[in-house]
Amino acid sequence: MKNKFPAGTGVMWKAKEKQLSVEQINGHVAKRNRLIVGRAPENTEMLFTAAELYGAMAQCSSRAKMDQHAARAQVQMCRHLIARHVDDKNDRFALLDTARTLKDYVGKAMTGLVGDGIAYLQMVRDGYRWVDHFENHAVHGKPPTTRSPDYVFSRTGDLFVALAESKATKGASRAAFTKTVRDGYHGQVEPYLGRKIGTWIASHGYAVGSWMKSVKKAEIFIDHTVSSGSSSGNGEDPSENSDPRSVRFGSYCGVLTLLFGPDIGEAARDRRWRPSEQTFTTVDWLDRTWIVGEDAEWETLVVTGEEHLIFKSGALRFVNGMALDMEVARRVFALIESSEGDLDLMGELPEFPADLIEAAKRSGGAIFPDGFAVLGREEDLSHFSRISVKPPAQAAPALVEIELPADALVAEGIRLMEARLPSSSNADVVEENQARLFLTHE
């Protein structure tokens, strides 16, 4: 489909940092339950780049129980659509009027996924670090309703979690969408508060709505839990203990799905995957080492330009431009291979300071608080290597003694690179005859 854009609209959003505000907040008094402690949103303004929104949409898409190859394709489609229906000039985030020319089902898919990404960014800006899909966790007892929220969020230092439901619209009136968000809170979030689900209890929740009808600025509407006056704080009964580690672990299984595909993500969740038996590509970026995502399967035909085609043959690796911080990855891999599965995964995870996150933005990428990242420009990437990771009880990962040239990863298009990896008597060093790396990241 070929869209024609009016002159002067400044389309193709790539670099401009966009602003989005919470314009409407509605609190709802919780039912009397000492396990329910409300929390109002503290962040009401946020700035984000196209790379951050793309990474947020990808994070959300990896958790639904659907065909993850299709989910990734949908995210990529929406990423390109957004670039063409958001300008690169104005300060405020908004979908241009050209978005109305899309087929209704395409427009709805894009709007919904953008709304999920905005809801994720809002929760992250409000202090939440990990996210998992609600449906990955079993409700104890009879479910209170057939409906459920989208996500479960966990933050550092809180044994209880937050539920979140995302809503989005491009066409509804303010009054109609206000009701949609309110109904989402009452019908999909509130019924599950204070109940044991999986290993955790949700003490509060949110319905986050992205109202994108205006072509000048989108707005965020939030409905949230307010504590009742009789609440005395979280209970101390051991039978009511909340343990958020399953949410946090599920968050990284979602990241592994993005990096290596749904088979790896699900095998990691079931602890059937053995990271110590794998090899990984790493890259240095912003003075940190990152494990790079690689798609083992892709289309049989890849277009590299108007006339250049590459056909898939053999075991090709398509480096997808997404990554996980090496230090975080080591702890996640240790948990996956732990026989008990009860390592304190979150005990000493690195923090990602504001100046590092800003540096990632300037590089054209994005870093999220869980350690997931969208890599930046080619010239900022260096020291590409293949590594193996030792089992948890042993020492640090062993790096292959080879540095892959920077054009193995490119910020635009796809390039083929072949590197001969040396053999070695060191059992910790990877031995491969050939590595082919591709990047489908624009």
Protein backbone atom coordinates (compact mmCIF):
# COMPACT_ATOMS: atom_id res chain seq x y z
CA MET A 1 0.00 0.00 0.00
CA LYS A 2 1.38 3.42 -0.95
CA ASN A 3 0.43 6.39 1.20
CA LYS A 4 0.67 9.98 -0.06
CA PHE A 5 1.48 12.51 2.63
CA PRO A 6 0.68 16.21 2.53
CA ALA A 7 3.67 18.47 2.00
CA GLY A 8 5.16 19.89 5.16
CA THR A 9 3.87 17.23 7.54
CA GLY A 10 7.42 16.23 8.51
CA VAL A 11 6.65 12.50 8.46
CA MET A 12 9.10 9.66 9.11
CA TRP A 13 9.59 9.88 12.86
CA LYS A 14 13.14 8.82 13.64
CA ALA A 15 15.02 11.18 15.94
CA LYS A 16 12.65 13.61 17.63
CA GLU A 17 12.00 12.98 21.33
CA LYS A 18 8.27 13.18 21.93
CA GLN A 19 6.36 14.40 24.97
CA LEU A 20 3.24 12.77 26.38
CA SER A 21 1.27 13.79 29.45
CA VAL A 22 -1.16 12.19 31.86
CA GLU A 23 -4.14 14.50 31.47
CA GLN A 24 -6.77 12.64 33.47
CA ILE A 25 -6.45 10.63 36.70
CA ASN A 26 -9.35 8.92 38.46
CA GLY A 27 -8.94 7.08 41.75
CA HIS A 28 -11.20 4.25 42.93
CA VAL A 29 -11.54 3.33 46.60
CA ALA A 30 -10.60 -0.30 47.08
CA LYS A 31 -12.79 -2.86 48.77
CA ARG A 32 -11.93 -3.49 52.42
CA ASN A 33 -8.94 -5.77 52.29
CA ARG A 34 -5.74 -5.23 54.23
CA LEU A 35 -3.76 -6.65 51.31
CA ILE A 36 -4.92 -3.84 49.02
CA VAL A 37 -2.85 -0.69 49.33
CA GLY A 38 -3.51 1.84 46.59
CA ARG A 39 -0.88 3.83 44.77
CA ALA A 40 -1.58 6.87 42.64
CA PRO A 41 0.58 7.48 39.55
CA GLU A 42 3.49 9.73 40.46
CA ASN A 43 4.78 10.38 36.95
CA THR A 44 2.57 12.62 34.82
CA GLU A 45 4.99 13.71 32.06
CA MET A 46 7.29 11.63 29.92
CA LEU A 47 9.65 12.02 26.99
CA PHE A 48 10.43 9.09 24.72
CA THR A 49 12.05 8.31 21.40
CA ALA A 50 10.89 6.13 18.53
CA ALA A 51 13.35 3.44 19.65
CA GLU A 52 11.91 3.48 23.17
CA LEU A 53 8.36 3.10 21.89
CA TYR A 54 9.45 0.29 19.59
CA GLY A 55 11.20 -1.52 22.46
CA ALA A 56 8.16 -1.01 24.70
CA MET A 57 5.82 -2.46 22.07
CA ALA A 58 8.16 -5.41 21.61
CA GLN A 59 8.27 -6.03 25.37
CA CYS A 60 4.48 -6.13 25.52
CA SER A 61 4.05 -8.32 22.44
CA SER A 62 6.37 -11.05 23.70
CA ARG A 63 4.09 -12.04 26.53
CA ALA A 64 0.76 -12.85 24.94
CA LYS A 65 0.03 -16.54 24.34
CA MET A 66 -0.03 -16.27 20.58
CA ASP A 67 2.24 -17.16 17.69
CA GLN A 68 5.32 -15.15 18.63
CA HIS A 69 6.70 -15.11 15.11
CA ALA A 70 3.46 -13.43 14.05
CA ALA A 71 3.64 -11.10 17.06
CA ARG A 72 7.14 -9.98 16.10
CA ALA A 73 6.06 -9.38 12.52
CA GLN A 74 3.16 -7.29 13.81
CA VAL A 75 5.49 -5.18 15.95
CA GLN A 76 7.79 -4.58 12.98
CA MET A 77 4.82 -3.65 10.81
CA CYS A 78 3.53 -1.18 13.41
CA ARG A 79 7.01 0.24 13.87
CA HIS A 80 7.17 1.16 10.19
CA LEU A 81 3.59 2.44 10.17
CA ILE A 82 4.23 4.68 13.18
CA ALA A 83 7.31 6.15 11.53
CA ARG A 84 5.10 7.22 8.64
CA HIS A 85 2.17 8.48 10.68
CA VAL A 86 4.05 10.43 13.38
CA ASP A 87 6.03 13.52 12.39
CA ASP A 88 9.64 14.19 13.28
CA LYS A 89 9.05 17.88 14.00
CA ASN A 90 6.50 18.59 16.74
CA ASP A 91 7.27 18.14 20.42
CA ARG A 92 4.04 16.34 21.31
CA PHE A 93 3.35 12.73 20.37
CA ALA A 94 0.32 12.27 18.12
CA LEU A 95 -0.84 10.10 15.26
CA LEU A 96 -1.25 12.20 12.14
CA ASP A 97 -4.51 12.43 10.25
CA THR A 98 -2.92 10.24 7.55
CA ALA A 99 -3.41 7.29 9.93
CA ARG A 100 -7.12 7.49 9.12
CA THR A 101 -6.34 6.31 5.58
CA LEU A 102 -5.28 2.89 6.87
CA LYS A 103 -7.61 -0.06 6.55
CA ASP A 104 -9.69 -0.28 9.73
CA TYR A 105 -8.15 -3.56 10.91
CA VAL A 106 -4.61 -2.25 10.29
CA GLY A 107 -5.35 0.99 12.09
CA LYS A 108 -6.83 -0.81 15.08
CA ALA A 109 -3.85 -3.14 15.34
CA MET A 110 -1.44 -0.21 15.24
CA THR A 111 -3.44 1.82 17.76
CA GLY A 112 -3.70 -1.08 20.19
CA LEU A 113 0.00 -1.90 20.04
CA VAL A 114 1.00 1.75 20.40
CA GLY A 115 -1.30 1.93 23.43
CA ASP A 116 0.41 -1.09 24.97
CA GLY A 117 3.80 0.53 24.44
CA ILE A 118 2.66 3.82 25.97
CA ALA A 119 1.18 2.00 28.98
CA TYR A 120 4.48 0.15 29.46
CA LEU A 121 6.49 3.37 29.26
CA GLN A 122 4.15 5.05 31.75
CA MET A 123 4.58 2.19 34.23
CA VAL A 124 8.36 2.19 33.76
CA ARG A 125 8.51 5.95 34.34
CA ASP A 126 6.46 5.38 37.49
CA GLY A 127 9.09 3.09 38.97
CA TYR A 128 8.16 -0.39 37.75
CA ARG A 129 11.01 -2.51 36.44
CA TRP A 130 9.67 -5.92 35.38
CA VAL A 131 6.57 -6.96 33.45
CA ASP A 132 4.90 -10.25 32.62
CA HIS A 133 1.63 -11.15 30.93
CA PHE A 134 -1.18 -11.84 33.41
CA GLU A 135 -2.25 -15.03 31.65
CA ASN A 136 1.11 -16.65 32.40
CA HIS A 137 0.05 -16.99 36.05
CA ALA A 138 -2.67 -19.20 37.54
CA VAL A 139 -5.46 -17.73 39.65
CA HIS A 140 -5.92 -19.58 42.94
CA GLY A 141 -9.51 -20.76 43.29
CA LYS A 142 -12.36 -19.78 41.03
CA PRO A 143 -11.60 -16.73 38.87
CA PRO A 144 -13.75 -13.76 39.90
CA THR A 145 -14.58 -12.95 36.27
CA THR A 146 -13.95 -14.25 32.76
CA ARG A 147 -12.09 -11.02 31.97
CA SER A 148 -8.55 -10.25 33.08
CA PRO A 149 -5.94 -7.47 32.90
CA ASP A 150 -3.11 -7.41 30.38
CA TYR A 151 0.00 -7.16 32.53
CA VAL A 152 1.60 -7.66 35.93
CA PHE A 153 4.30 -5.17 36.97
CA SER A 154 6.87 -5.49 39.73
CA ARG A 155 9.13 -2.84 41.22
CA THR A 156 12.26 -3.00 43.35
CA GLY A 157 11.68 -3.34 47.08
CA ASP A 158 7.99 -4.29 46.85
CA LEU A 159 6.82 -7.85 47.56
CA PHE A 160 3.41 -7.00 46.12
CA VAL A 161 2.76 -6.27 42.45
CA ALA A 162 0.55 -4.04 40.31
CA LEU A 163 -1.94 -5.08 37.64
CA ALA A 164 -2.33 -3.03 34.49
CA GLU A 165 -4.87 -2.97 31.68
CA SER A 166 -4.08 -1.05 28.48
CA LYS A 167 -6.72 0.75 26.45
CA ALA A 168 -6.24 2.83 23.31
CA THR A 169 -8.32 4.65 20.72
CA LYS A 170 -7.91 6.86 17.68
CA GLY A 171 -11.58 7.61 17.18
CA ALA A 172 -13.64 7.62 20.40
CA SER A 173 -14.75 10.84 22.05
CA ARG A 174 -13.19 11.92 25.34
CA ALA A 175 -16.32 10.98 27.28
CA ALA A 176 -16.65 7.58 25.63
CA PHE A 177 -12.98 6.73 26.17
CA THR A 178 -13.13 7.91 29.79
CA LYS A 179 -15.84 5.29 30.31
CA THR A 180 -13.80 2.63 28.48
CA VAL A 181 -10.82 3.18 30.78
CA ARG A 182 -13.03 3.22 33.89
CA ASP A 183 -14.78 0.02 32.85
CA GLY A 184 -11.41 -1.58 32.17
CA TYR A 185 -10.33 -0.86 35.72
CA HIS A 186 -13.54 -2.09 37.34
CA GLY A 187 -14.03 -5.11 35.11
CA GLN A 188 -10.48 -6.34 34.51
CA VAL A 189 -8.23 -5.02 37.30
CA GLU A 190 -10.22 -4.52 40.49
CA PRO A 191 -11.64 -8.07 40.79
CA TYR A 192 -8.12 -9.56 41.13
CA LEU A 193 -6.74 -7.20 43.77
CA GLY A 194 -5.82 -8.82 47.08
CA ARG A 195 -6.10 -12.35 45.65
CA LYS A 196 -3.35 -14.95 45.47
CA ILE A 197 -2.34 -15.48 41.85
CA GLY A 198 0.65 -17.68 41.11
CA THR A 199 3.15 -16.80 43.82
CA TRP A 200 2.12 -13.17 44.21
CA ILE A 201 -0.62 -10.81 45.32
CA ALA A 202 -1.55 -7.57 43.57
CA SER A 203 -2.00 -4.79 46.10
CA HIS A 204 -3.03 -2.17 43.51
CA GLY A 205 -3.69 -1.70 39.84
CA TYR A 206 -4.16 0.64 36.89
CA ALA A 207 -6.09 1.02 33.69
CA VAL A 208 -3.90 3.10 31.38
CA GLY A 209 -5.65 4.64 28.39
CA SER A 210 -3.99 6.24 25.38
CA TRP A 211 -6.38 8.75 23.79
CA MET A 212 -5.00 9.49 20.31
CA LYS A 213 -7.92 11.19 18.58
CA SER A 214 -6.23 14.59 18.35
CA VAL A 215 -3.66 15.07 15.58
CA LYS A 216 -1.85 17.64 17.75
CA LYS A 217 -1.25 15.68 20.95
CA ALA A 218 -2.17 12.32 22.42
CA GLU A 219 -3.19 12.10 26.09
CA ILE A 220 -2.98 9.47 28.81
CA PHE A 221 -5.96 8.66 31.04
CA ILE A 222 -5.34 6.61 34.19
CA ASP A 223 -7.76 4.96 36.60
CA HIS A 224 -6.08 3.54 39.70
CA THR A 225 -6.55 2.02 43.14
CA VAL A 226 -7.06 4.23 46.18
CA SER A 227 -6.67 2.68 49.62
CA SER A 228 -9.76 2.56 51.80
CA GLY A 229 -9.53 4.31 55.13
CA SER A 230 -9.67 1.01 57.02
CA SER A 231 -6.60 -0.48 55.34
CA SER A 232 -3.82 -1.26 57.78
CA GLY A 233 -1.12 -2.22 55.28
CA ASN A 234 0.00 -5.52 53.85
CA GLY A 235 -0.73 -8.57 55.98
CA GLU A 236 1.85 -10.62 57.85
CA ASP A 237 0.06 -14.00 57.66
CA PRO A 238 2.57 -16.42 56.05
CA SER A 239 -0.24 -17.99 54.05
CA GLU A 240 -0.76 -14.61 52.39
CA ASN A 241 2.88 -13.95 51.52
CA SER A 242 3.49 -12.46 48.12
CA ASP A 243 6.59 -13.41 46.16
CA PRO A 244 7.07 -11.38 42.94
CA ARG A 245 10.05 -13.38 41.67
CA SER A 246 7.91 -15.40 39.27
CA VAL A 247 6.82 -12.15 37.62
CA ARG A 248 10.41 -10.99 37.37
CA PHE A 249 11.56 -14.32 35.99
CA GLY A 250 8.69 -14.26 33.50
CA SER A 251 9.82 -10.80 32.45
CA TYR A 252 13.19 -12.19 31.37
CA CYS A 253 11.59 -15.17 29.64
CA GLY A 254 9.78 -12.56 27.55
CA VAL A 255 13.08 -10.87 26.78
CA LEU A 256 14.59 -14.21 25.73
CA THR A 257 11.61 -14.67 23.42
CA LEU A 258 12.47 -11.37 21.77
CA LEU A 259 16.15 -12.23 21.51
CA PHE A 260 16.02 -15.85 20.41
CA GLY A 261 12.44 -16.75 19.54
CA PRO A 262 9.40 -18.31 21.25
CA ASP A 263 10.84 -21.81 21.53
CA ILE A 264 13.72 -20.53 23.65
CA GLY A 265 11.46 -18.26 25.70
CA GLU A 266 9.06 -21.06 26.60
CA ALA A 267 11.86 -23.58 27.23
CA ALA A 268 13.50 -21.06 29.56
CA ARG A 269 10.23 -20.55 31.45
CA ASP A 270 9.99 -24.32 31.95
CA ARG A 271 13.74 -24.50 32.71
CA ARG A 272 14.30 -26.93 29.83
CA TRP A 273 16.81 -24.62 28.13
CA ARG A 274 20.53 -24.95 28.95
CA PRO A 275 22.29 -21.62 28.34
CA SER A 276 25.65 -23.18 29.26
CA GLU A 277 25.36 -25.41 26.18
CA GLN A 278 24.75 -22.45 23.85
CA THR A 279 26.91 -19.79 22.24
CA PHE A 280 26.00 -16.14 22.02
CA THR A 281 26.98 -13.03 20.10
CA THR A 282 28.08 -10.09 22.23
CA VAL A 283 28.79 -6.46 21.45
CA ASP A 284 30.21 -3.55 23.42
CA TRP A 285 27.98 -0.50 23.55
CA LEU A 286 28.14 2.49 25.93
CA ASP A 287 30.96 0.84 27.92
CA ARG A 288 28.86 -2.26 28.67
CA THR A 289 28.73 -5.72 27.10
CA TRP A 290 25.42 -6.92 25.66
CA ILE A 291 24.18 -10.31 24.47
CA VAL A 292 22.62 -9.71 21.06
CA GLY A 293 19.36 -11.22 19.88
CA GLU A 294 19.59 -13.65 16.96
CA ASP A 295 16.70 -14.99 14.92
CA ALA A 296 17.38 -18.57 13.90
CA GLU A 297 14.40 -18.57 11.55
CA TRP A 298 13.21 -15.88 9.18
CA GLU A 299 11.71 -15.49 5.75
CA THR A 300 13.28 -17.59 3.00
CA LEU A 301 13.99 -14.43 1.04
CA VAL A 302 15.51 -11.24 2.44
CA VAL A 303 15.52 -7.99 0.49
CA THR A 304 18.66 -5.91 1.06
CA GLY A 305 17.86 -3.17 -1.40
CA GLU A 306 15.96 -2.53 -4.59
CA GLU A 307 17.84 -5.22 -6.49
CA HIS A 308 19.78 -7.22 -3.92
CA LEU A 309 18.37 -10.46 -2.52
CA ILE A 310 19.76 -13.01 -0.08
CA PHE A 311 18.31 -16.51 0.05
CA LYS A 312 18.31 -18.42 3.29
CA SER A 313 20.55 -21.48 3.23
CA GLY A 314 21.90 -23.44 6.16
CA ALA A 315 22.11 -22.15 9.72
CA LEU A 316 21.92 -18.40 9.23
CA ARG A 317 21.84 -15.95 12.10
CA PHE A 318 19.84 -12.76 11.75
CA VAL A 319 20.95 -10.28 14.40
CA ASN A 320 17.76 -8.43 15.26
CA GLY A 321 19.05 -5.30 16.97
CA MET A 322 17.72 -6.20 20.43
CA ALA A 323 19.95 -7.11 23.36
CA LEU A 324 20.22 -7.97 27.07
CA ASP A 325 22.86 -6.61 29.42
CA MET A 326 25.55 -9.26 29.93
CA GLU A 327 25.62 -8.90 33.71
CA VAL A 328 21.85 -9.37 33.91
CA ALA A 329 21.95 -12.26 31.45
CA ARG A 330 24.47 -14.19 33.58
CA ARG A 331 22.12 -14.10 36.57
CA VAL A 332 19.10 -15.05 34.48
CA PHE A 333 21.00 -17.97 32.94
CA ALA A 334 22.07 -19.08 36.42
CA LEU A 335 18.46 -19.13 37.59
CA ILE A 336 17.32 -21.11 34.55
CA GLU A 337 19.93 -23.80 35.20
CA SER A 338 19.50 -23.85 38.98
CA SER A 339 18.22 -27.26 40.08
CA GLU A 340 16.13 -25.66 42.82
CA GLY A 341 15.08 -22.69 40.75
CA ASP A 342 15.16 -20.49 43.83
CA LEU A 343 18.25 -18.34 43.36
CA ASP A 344 17.86 -14.76 44.49
CA LEU A 345 17.81 -13.55 40.91
CA MET A 346 17.00 -9.97 41.82
CA GLY A 347 19.47 -9.62 44.65
CA GLU A 348 22.28 -7.80 42.90
CA LEU A 349 21.08 -6.78 39.46
CA PRO A 350 22.82 -3.72 38.05
CA GLU A 351 21.00 -0.43 37.90
CA PHE A 352 20.94 1.61 34.71
CA PRO A 353 21.44 5.28 35.64
CA ALA A 354 19.72 8.16 33.92
CA ASP A 355 22.88 9.32 32.15
CA LEU A 356 23.32 5.86 30.55
CA ILE A 357 19.71 5.81 29.40
CA GLU A 358 20.15 9.28 27.90
CA ALA A 359 23.34 8.17 26.17
CA ALA A 360 21.39 5.27 24.64
CA LYS A 361 18.82 7.74 23.30
CA ARG A 362 21.55 9.88 21.72
CA SER A 363 22.93 6.74 20.10
CA GLY A 364 19.55 6.02 18.51
CA GLY A 365 18.76 3.13 20.85
CA ALA A 366 17.01 2.51 24.17
CA ILE A 367 17.79 0.89 27.50
CA PHE A 368 15.01 -0.30 29.81
CA PRO A 369 15.27 -0.81 33.60
CA ASP A 370 15.25 -4.62 33.36
CA GLY A 371 18.39 -4.58 31.18
CA PHE A 372 16.65 -5.11 27.83
CA ALA A 373 17.86 -2.78 25.08
CA VAL A 374 17.37 -1.71 21.49
CA LEU A 375 20.90 -1.21 20.17
CA GLY A 376 22.02 2.14 18.82
CA ARG A 377 23.88 3.24 15.73
CA GLU A 378 26.53 1.15 14.03
CA GLU A 379 29.38 3.54 14.78
CA ASP A 380 28.73 3.22 18.53
CA LEU A 381 29.02 -0.59 18.50
CA SER A 382 32.34 -2.42 18.82
CA HIS A 383 34.12 -5.66 19.72
CA PHE A 384 31.69 -8.22 18.35
CA SER A 385 32.44 -11.65 19.82
CA ARG A 386 31.09 -15.15 20.25
CA ILE A 387 30.96 -16.44 23.81
CA SER A 388 30.00 -19.50 25.79
CA VAL A 389 28.59 -19.18 29.30
CA LYS A 390 29.77 -21.57 31.98
CA PRO A 391 27.29 -23.29 34.31
CA PRO A 392 26.19 -21.23 37.34
CA ALA A 393 28.61 -22.81 39.81
CA GLN A 394 31.65 -21.94 37.69
CA ALA A 395 33.41 -18.74 36.87
CA ALA A 396 32.62 -15.91 34.46
CA PRO A 397 31.80 -16.51 30.77
CA ALA A 398 34.69 -17.33 28.44
CA LEU A 399 35.08 -15.04 25.46
CA VAL A 400 36.14 -16.29 22.06
CA GLU A 401 39.38 -14.57 21.10
CA ILE A 402 38.03 -12.86 18.00
CA GLU A 403 36.70 -9.42 17.32
CA LEU A 404 34.14 -9.27 14.55
CA PRO A 405 34.22 -6.18 12.31
CA ALA A 406 31.69 -3.45 13.02
CA ASP A 407 29.89 -3.92 9.73
CA ALA A 408 28.60 -7.24 11.07
CA LEU A 409 25.87 -5.12 12.57
CA VAL A 410 24.46 -2.18 10.69
CA ALA A 411 21.81 0.33 11.65
CA GLU A 412 20.32 0.45 8.16
CA GLY A 413 19.59 -2.49 5.86
CA ILE A 414 21.16 -5.95 5.98
CA ARG A 415 24.74 -6.93 5.26
CA LEU A 416 26.27 -10.36 5.08
CA MET A 417 29.41 -10.97 7.08
CA GLU A 418 31.40 -14.19 7.30
CA ALA A 419 34.08 -14.73 9.95
CA ARG A 420 36.22 -17.77 10.54
CA LEU A 421 36.34 -18.56 14.24
CA PRO A 422 39.59 -20.14 15.47
CA SER A 423 39.69 -23.59 16.96
CA SER A 424 41.15 -23.91 20.44
CA SER A 425 42.11 -26.51 22.98
CA ASN A 426 40.30 -24.47 25.62
CA ALA A 427 37.02 -26.29 26.25
CA ASP A 428 35.36 -23.02 27.21
CA VAL A 429 36.01 -21.41 23.84
CA VAL A 430 33.40 -21.83 21.15
CA GLU A 431 34.48 -23.70 18.03
CA GLU A 432 32.57 -22.84 14.88
CA ASN A 433 33.59 -23.05 11.26
CA GLN A 434 31.57 -20.09 10.19
CA ALA A 435 29.32 -17.38 11.63
CA ARG A 436 26.96 -15.39 9.45
CA LEU A 437 25.40 -12.34 11.05
CA PHE A 438 22.54 -10.27 9.71
CA LEU A 439 20.62 -7.30 11.05
CA THR A 440 17.02 -6.52 10.22
CA HIS A 441 17.02 -3.42 12.41
CA GLU A 442 16.46 -0.03 10.83
